[in-house]
Amino acid sequence: MAKTCTFCDRKTYTDRIMYEDEFFVVVPSMGQLSPYGGHLLIIPKQCWSCIASFTDTEIEAFEKLHHKVRMAIQKTGLPPLSFEHGVVGQSIAHAHAHIVPANFQPLPYVRYAFPSAKIEVVRSYKEICETYGQGARPYLYWRDGAELPSKPLSYVCWNPPAPEKYFRILLAQEHFHEPRRADWRTCDPDEDRKLIRESMSRIKIPPA
């Protein structure tokens, strides 16, 4: 019997939904990376392999929601860091974007870890979709810093030999200095539930 996709099974996150529209839900992540909470996921309702495989309509809706979620996190006092494992390093094979309150710049770490991989600055996810559509390739995506539309803060690293949960491991070790948070499956469940409740109470995402 085929294993059910974690994010296709709505029962796994129904009680955590903070926002929902035609295409997406936003929920606090299991295994909160930040010891202060605020780690959110944008999950498409359709089971895409990565965000770069979205339709034009979905990527337009995603861009708007991504900005909305980043602004909601920024209002809590810390700049948001977004990241995606695009068909590489995924622990769940269903597209999803992480947004974490963290004043952290992954670029030097990614350059050091994957010196042969091409890194590009992009202004929108649509640019990644266009390149991906010309020949699907694994990628890492991230956007760091304050949400300033005039500043190109998004990056994509093509074909990196990244291990599973690469960005989770990087942030847990190098920014939060709590390696135990790297694996969402082994986080303390009581502490995690507390951080999830606090995230849902503190972060306000405007409705669709």
Protein backbone atom coordinates (compact mmCIF):
# COMPACT_ATOMS: atom_id res chain seq x y z
CA MET A 1 0.00 0.00 0.00
CA ALA A 2 1.41 3.39 -1.02
CA LYS A 3 2.38 5.70 1.80
CA THR A 4 0.15 8.78 2.11
CA CYS A 5 1.93 12.11 1.60
CA THR A 6 2.10 13.96 4.93
CA PHE A 7 0.94 17.24 3.40
CA CYS A 8 -1.74 15.61 1.21
CA ASP A 9 -3.33 14.24 4.39
CA ARG A 10 -5.09 17.33 5.72
CA LYS A 11 -5.71 15.65 9.08
CA THR A 12 -2.01 16.05 9.90
CA TYR A 13 -2.31 19.84 10.13
CA THR A 14 -6.00 20.83 10.32
CA ASP A 15 -5.66 22.09 13.89
CA ARG A 16 -2.66 24.26 12.93
CA ILE A 17 -4.07 26.16 9.95
CA MET A 18 -3.43 29.90 10.31
CA TYR A 19 -4.42 30.91 6.77
CA GLU A 20 -6.14 29.24 3.83
CA ASP A 21 -7.09 30.21 0.29
CA GLU A 22 -7.87 28.44 -2.99
CA PHE A 23 -4.32 27.16 -3.48
CA PHE A 24 -2.47 27.18 -0.15
CA VAL A 25 -2.52 26.74 3.59
CA VAL A 26 -0.13 28.31 6.10
CA VAL A 27 0.71 26.38 9.26
CA PRO A 28 3.37 26.48 11.98
CA SER A 29 6.03 23.89 11.24
CA MET A 30 6.37 20.78 13.33
CA GLY A 31 9.83 20.97 14.83
CA GLN A 32 10.07 24.73 15.31
CA LEU A 33 13.58 25.83 14.32
CA SER A 34 13.45 29.01 16.36
CA PRO A 35 13.44 28.65 20.16
CA TYR A 36 10.99 31.59 20.10
CA GLY A 37 8.57 30.02 17.62
CA GLY A 38 7.32 31.74 14.47
CA HIS A 39 8.54 29.09 12.00
CA LEU A 40 5.78 28.82 9.37
CA LEU A 41 5.18 26.72 6.25
CA ILE A 42 3.33 27.65 3.06
CA ILE A 43 1.95 24.39 1.66
CA PRO A 44 0.19 24.03 -1.71
CA LYS A 45 -2.99 21.98 -1.66
CA GLN A 46 -1.93 20.21 -4.82
CA CYS A 47 0.98 17.78 -4.48
CA TRP A 48 3.66 19.49 -6.57
CA SER A 49 7.28 18.31 -6.35
CA CYS A 50 8.57 21.88 -5.87
CA ILE A 51 7.39 25.48 -6.09
CA ALA A 52 9.16 26.00 -9.43
CA SER A 53 6.73 23.49 -10.98
CA PHE A 54 3.65 25.61 -10.14
CA THR A 55 1.34 26.93 -12.87
CA ASP A 56 1.49 30.64 -13.69
CA THR A 57 -1.70 31.24 -11.69
CA GLU A 58 -0.36 29.42 -8.65
CA ILE A 59 3.05 31.10 -8.71
CA GLU A 60 1.38 34.52 -8.87
CA ALA A 61 -0.79 33.61 -5.87
CA PHE A 62 2.24 32.20 -4.06
CA GLU A 63 4.30 35.37 -4.56
CA LYS A 64 1.53 37.47 -2.99
CA LEU A 65 1.05 35.10 -0.07
CA HIS A 66 4.80 34.74 0.49
CA HIS A 67 5.11 38.51 0.85
CA LYS A 68 2.10 38.59 3.19
CA VAL A 69 3.55 35.89 5.46
CA ARG A 70 6.99 37.49 5.50
CA MET A 71 5.47 40.84 6.50
CA ALA A 72 3.46 39.16 9.28
CA ILE A 73 6.64 37.62 10.71
CA GLN A 74 8.60 40.85 10.28
CA LYS A 75 6.02 42.68 12.40
CA THR A 76 6.96 40.45 15.35
CA GLY A 77 10.40 42.11 15.43
CA LEU A 78 12.78 39.89 13.45
CA PRO A 79 13.55 39.78 9.73
CA PRO A 80 12.13 36.72 7.97
CA LEU A 81 14.27 34.08 6.28
CA SER A 82 12.53 31.99 3.62
CA PHE A 83 13.87 28.79 2.13
CA GLU A 84 12.86 25.84 -0.03
CA HIS A 85 14.50 22.53 -0.86
CA GLY A 86 13.58 22.25 -4.55
CA VAL A 87 13.60 18.47 -5.18
CA VAL A 88 16.84 18.16 -3.21
CA GLY A 89 17.21 17.76 0.54
CA GLN A 90 13.46 17.28 0.99
CA SER A 91 12.26 15.16 3.90
CA ILE A 92 8.68 15.41 2.57
CA ALA A 93 8.25 15.11 -1.21
CA HIS A 94 5.54 17.77 -1.42
CA ALA A 95 6.47 21.35 -2.25
CA HIS A 96 6.55 23.74 0.72
CA ALA A 97 8.27 26.97 1.70
CA HIS A 98 9.69 27.65 5.16
CA ILE A 99 9.60 31.16 6.65
CA VAL A 100 11.55 31.57 9.89
CA PRO A 101 12.22 34.67 12.02
CA ALA A 102 16.00 34.77 11.74
CA ASN A 103 18.58 37.47 11.00
CA PHE A 104 20.80 35.08 9.06
CA GLN A 105 22.44 35.10 5.61
CA PRO A 106 22.96 31.59 4.14
CA LEU A 107 24.92 32.74 1.05
CA PRO A 108 28.49 32.24 2.34
CA TYR A 109 27.60 28.84 3.78
CA VAL A 110 25.97 27.67 0.55
CA ARG A 111 28.94 28.89 -1.49
CA TYR A 112 31.34 27.03 0.77
CA ALA A 113 29.29 23.83 0.87
CA PHE A 114 28.65 23.64 -2.88
CA PRO A 115 31.52 25.43 -4.67
CA SER A 116 30.69 23.95 -8.08
CA ALA A 117 27.00 24.84 -8.01
CA LYS A 118 25.72 27.93 -9.83
CA ILE A 119 24.14 30.58 -7.58
CA GLU A 120 21.93 33.30 -9.06
CA VAL A 121 20.22 36.36 -7.61
CA VAL A 122 16.55 36.44 -8.61
CA ARG A 123 13.85 39.05 -8.14
CA SER A 124 10.90 36.65 -8.13
CA TYR A 125 10.01 32.98 -8.06
CA LYS A 126 8.73 33.35 -11.61
CA GLU A 127 12.34 33.63 -12.80
CA ILE A 128 13.10 30.30 -11.15
CA CYS A 129 10.00 28.76 -12.75
CA GLU A 130 11.12 29.90 -16.20
CA THR A 131 14.58 28.35 -15.79
CA TYR A 132 13.15 25.21 -14.23
CA GLY A 133 10.68 24.87 -17.11
CA GLN A 134 13.54 24.77 -19.60
CA GLY A 135 14.96 21.67 -17.92
CA ALA A 136 13.98 20.57 -14.44
CA ARG A 137 16.94 20.69 -12.06
CA PRO A 138 17.21 20.40 -8.28
CA TYR A 139 17.71 23.71 -6.50
CA LEU A 140 17.93 25.47 -3.16
CA TYR A 141 16.05 28.76 -2.76
CA TRP A 142 16.31 31.35 -0.02
CA ARG A 143 15.37 34.96 0.66
CA ASP A 144 16.88 36.73 3.65
CA GLY A 145 16.65 40.14 5.25
CA ALA A 146 13.87 42.64 5.75
CA GLU A 147 11.01 42.55 3.25
CA LEU A 148 12.12 45.40 0.96
CA PRO A 149 10.67 44.90 -2.57
CA SER A 150 13.26 47.18 -4.19
CA LYS A 151 16.21 45.07 -3.01
CA PRO A 152 17.09 41.74 -4.73
CA LEU A 153 17.41 39.47 -1.71
CA SER A 154 16.39 36.14 -3.26
CA TYR A 155 18.85 33.47 -4.34
CA VAL A 156 18.74 30.12 -6.11
CA CYS A 157 21.51 27.52 -6.12
CA TRP A 158 21.20 25.05 -8.99
CA ASN A 159 22.12 21.35 -8.75
CA PRO A 160 23.63 21.36 -5.24
CA PRO A 161 24.39 17.91 -3.78
CA ALA A 162 22.54 18.95 -0.63
CA PRO A 163 21.76 16.43 2.13
CA GLU A 164 18.27 15.97 3.51
CA LYS A 165 17.08 18.95 5.61
CA TYR A 166 20.11 21.01 4.54
CA PHE A 167 18.69 24.40 5.52
CA ARG A 168 17.21 23.07 8.77
CA ILE A 169 20.61 21.70 9.75
CA LEU A 170 22.37 24.91 8.74
CA LEU A 171 20.10 27.18 10.78
CA ALA A 172 19.95 24.86 13.79
CA GLN A 173 23.73 24.64 13.97
CA GLU A 174 25.02 27.99 12.74
CA HIS A 175 22.32 30.46 13.75
CA PHE A 176 20.28 29.05 16.63
CA HIS A 177 23.16 26.93 17.97
CA GLU A 178 20.73 24.15 18.86
CA PRO A 179 21.56 21.18 16.59
CA ARG A 180 18.76 19.12 18.13
CA ARG A 181 16.24 21.32 16.29
CA ALA A 182 17.51 20.22 12.87
CA ASP A 183 15.26 17.15 12.72
CA TRP A 184 11.57 17.93 13.20
CA ARG A 185 10.90 14.28 14.01
CA THR A 186 13.03 14.30 17.16
CA CYS A 187 12.15 17.70 18.65
CA ASP A 188 10.70 17.69 22.15
CA PRO A 189 6.93 17.33 21.54
CA ASP A 190 5.79 19.31 24.57
CA GLU A 191 8.11 22.21 23.83
CA ASP A 192 7.09 22.10 20.17
CA ARG A 193 3.38 22.24 20.95
CA LYS A 194 4.01 25.27 23.18
CA LEU A 195 5.94 27.08 20.42
CA ILE A 196 3.28 26.24 17.86
CA ARG A 197 0.52 27.66 20.09
CA GLU A 198 2.55 30.82 20.68
CA SER A 199 3.18 31.21 16.94
CA MET A 200 -0.52 30.92 16.14
CA SER A 201 -1.36 33.47 18.81
CA ARG A 202 1.36 35.99 18.00
CA ILE A 203 1.55 36.03 14.17
CA LYS A 204 -1.41 37.53 12.35
CA ILE A 205 -1.73 36.84 8.62
CA PRO A 206 -4.40 38.95 6.87
CA PRO A 207 -7.20 36.80 5.39
CA ALA A 208 -7.46 36.09 1.69
